[in-house]
Amino acid sequence: MKESTAIRYSEAFKRQVVDEIARGKFTSPYKAQQAYGIRGQTTVTKWIRKYGRDDLLPKRIRVETMEEIDQLKEARRRIRELEAALADAHIDNCLEHAFLEIACERMDVDMDNFKKKNALTLSDVRRKRGLK
């Protein structure tokens, strides 16, 4: 099995690579990495950030219409509402379970047996209500 050896680059070399990217010799950190055989995929990017040259990093620009922005706001609002509703339903479920435990304890009934004997399915409820 091969041993992996860490390569240490001098500060002068790091600055040289960043300067060459800034002067346009390389169009991207990746191209500089390839040219010098630098192994780490993010090594050159880290050097660029280290020397405060974030302007050399590729930018991602997203153009959105007002409708898309409104839809995103609406979706986020709806997610917050649904998360709150889910939290409320969880609390309600916990309370109902606690009430069932208390009721079974006071009636001196095993809760698991009570659930099995009195279990209703959705189809049972619909049948009782006359729904399909």
Protein backbone atom coordinates (compact mmCIF):
# COMPACT_ATOMS: atom_id res chain seq x y z
CA MET A 1 0.00 0.00 0.00
CA LYS A 2 1.34 3.48 -0.89
CA GLU A 3 2.03 5.98 1.81
CA SER A 4 0.50 9.39 1.26
CA THR A 5 2.99 12.20 1.76
CA ALA A 6 1.91 15.74 2.45
CA ILE A 7 3.41 18.36 0.18
CA ARG A 8 4.21 21.71 1.77
CA TYR A 9 4.36 24.73 -0.51
CA SER A 10 6.38 27.84 0.30
CA GLU A 11 4.65 31.16 0.84
CA ALA A 12 6.49 32.53 -2.20
CA PHE A 13 5.13 29.74 -4.40
CA LYS A 14 1.59 30.22 -3.09
CA ARG A 15 1.76 33.96 -3.78
CA GLN A 16 3.21 33.31 -7.24
CA VAL A 17 0.30 31.04 -8.17
CA VAL A 18 -2.26 33.56 -6.89
CA ASP A 19 -0.48 36.41 -8.74
CA GLU A 20 -0.44 34.41 -11.97
CA ILE A 21 -4.19 33.86 -11.68
CA ALA A 22 -4.65 37.58 -11.01
CA ARG A 23 -2.55 38.52 -14.07
CA GLY A 24 -4.62 36.20 -16.26
CA LYS A 25 -2.04 33.49 -16.92
CA PHE A 26 -4.61 30.98 -15.67
CA THR A 27 -8.35 31.41 -16.16
CA SER A 28 -9.27 29.54 -12.98
CA PRO A 29 -7.79 28.05 -9.81
CA TYR A 30 -8.33 24.64 -11.38
CA LYS A 31 -6.15 25.51 -14.38
CA ALA A 32 -3.33 26.66 -12.06
CA GLN A 33 -3.69 23.48 -10.03
CA GLN A 34 -3.39 21.38 -13.18
CA ALA A 35 -0.41 23.34 -14.52
CA TYR A 36 1.62 22.92 -11.33
CA GLY A 37 0.41 19.44 -10.42
CA ILE A 38 -1.07 20.59 -7.12
CA ARG A 39 -2.98 17.62 -5.71
CA GLY A 40 -5.61 19.14 -3.43
CA GLN A 41 -8.78 20.14 -5.23
CA THR A 42 -9.34 23.20 -3.04
CA THR A 43 -5.71 24.06 -2.26
CA VAL A 44 -5.40 26.93 -4.73
CA THR A 45 -8.83 28.26 -3.74
CA LYS A 46 -7.70 28.32 -0.10
CA TRP A 47 -4.59 30.27 -1.08
CA ILE A 48 -6.72 32.79 -2.97
CA ARG A 49 -8.88 33.31 0.11
CA LYS A 50 -5.84 33.40 2.40
CA TYR A 51 -4.35 36.29 0.45
CA GLY A 52 -7.68 38.15 0.28
CA ARG A 53 -8.26 37.77 -3.45
CA ASP A 54 -11.84 36.47 -3.41
CA ASP A 55 -12.37 38.51 -6.58
CA LEU A 56 -10.41 35.82 -8.45
CA LEU A 57 -12.87 33.08 -7.53
CA PRO A 58 -15.67 32.15 -9.94
CA LYS A 59 -18.96 33.84 -9.17
CA ARG A 60 -22.43 32.36 -9.45
CA ILE A 61 -25.09 34.89 -10.32
CA ARG A 62 -28.75 34.01 -10.09
CA VAL A 63 -31.32 36.08 -11.93
CA GLU A 64 -34.88 35.81 -10.66
CA THR A 65 -38.11 37.41 -11.74
CA MET A 66 -40.33 39.14 -9.22
CA GLU A 67 -42.78 36.26 -9.60
CA GLU A 68 -40.08 33.74 -8.66
CA ILE A 69 -39.10 35.82 -5.63
CA ASP A 70 -42.75 36.00 -4.54
CA GLN A 71 -43.16 32.25 -5.02
CA LEU A 72 -40.07 31.59 -2.92
CA LYS A 73 -41.36 33.86 -0.14
CA GLU A 74 -44.75 32.14 -0.27
CA ALA A 75 -43.12 28.68 -0.17
CA ARG A 76 -41.01 29.67 2.85
CA ARG A 77 -44.09 31.07 4.61
CA ARG A 78 -46.00 27.87 3.85
CA ILE A 79 -43.13 25.73 5.17
CA ARG A 80 -43.16 27.71 8.44
CA GLU A 81 -46.92 27.19 8.73
CA LEU A 82 -46.63 23.47 8.05
CA GLU A 83 -43.78 23.09 10.54
CA ALA A 84 -45.90 24.85 13.18
CA ALA A 85 -48.90 22.65 12.35
CA LEU A 86 -46.76 19.54 12.58
CA ALA A 87 -45.42 20.64 15.97
CA ASP A 88 -48.98 21.26 17.18
CA ALA A 89 -50.11 17.85 15.91
CA HIS A 90 -47.17 16.20 17.67
CA ILE A 91 -48.07 17.92 20.94
CA ASP A 92 -51.72 16.90 20.51
CA ASN A 93 -50.68 13.30 19.88
CA CYS A 94 -48.47 13.27 22.99
CA LEU A 95 -51.31 14.68 25.09
CA GLU A 96 -53.80 12.13 23.75
CA HIS A 97 -51.36 9.31 24.48
CA ALA A 98 -50.84 10.61 28.01
CA PHE A 99 -54.61 10.89 28.57
CA LEU A 100 -55.07 7.33 27.29
CA GLU A 101 -52.39 6.08 29.67
CA ILE A 102 -54.05 7.84 32.60
CA ALA A 103 -57.51 6.56 31.65
CA CYS A 104 -56.28 2.97 31.27
CA GLU A 105 -54.44 3.20 34.59
CA ARG A 106 -57.55 4.51 36.39
CA MET A 107 -59.75 1.82 34.83
CA ASP A 108 -57.11 -0.80 35.64
CA VAL A 109 -56.93 -1.88 31.97
CA ASP A 110 -53.82 -2.87 30.04
CA MET A 111 -53.33 -0.13 27.43
CA ASP A 112 -52.04 -2.45 24.67
CA ASN A 113 -55.05 -4.77 25.05
CA PHE A 114 -57.39 -1.78 25.10
CA LYS A 115 -55.88 -0.48 21.85
CA LYS A 116 -56.19 -3.87 20.14
CA LYS A 117 -59.80 -4.37 21.20
CA ASN A 118 -60.86 -0.85 20.28
CA ALA A 119 -58.75 -0.22 17.18
CA LEU A 120 -60.52 1.45 14.31
CA THR A 121 -59.23 1.74 10.79
CA LEU A 122 -59.97 4.58 8.44
CA SER A 123 -62.27 2.30 6.44
CA ASP A 124 -64.23 1.48 9.66
CA VAL A 125 -64.74 5.18 10.36
CA ARG A 126 -65.83 5.88 6.79
CA ARG A 127 -68.23 2.93 6.83
CA LYS A 128 -69.85 4.20 10.05
CA ARG A 129 -70.22 7.66 8.54
CA GLY A 130 -71.64 6.29 5.29
CA LEU A 131 -68.67 7.41 3.22
CA LYS A 132 -66.88 5.38 0.57
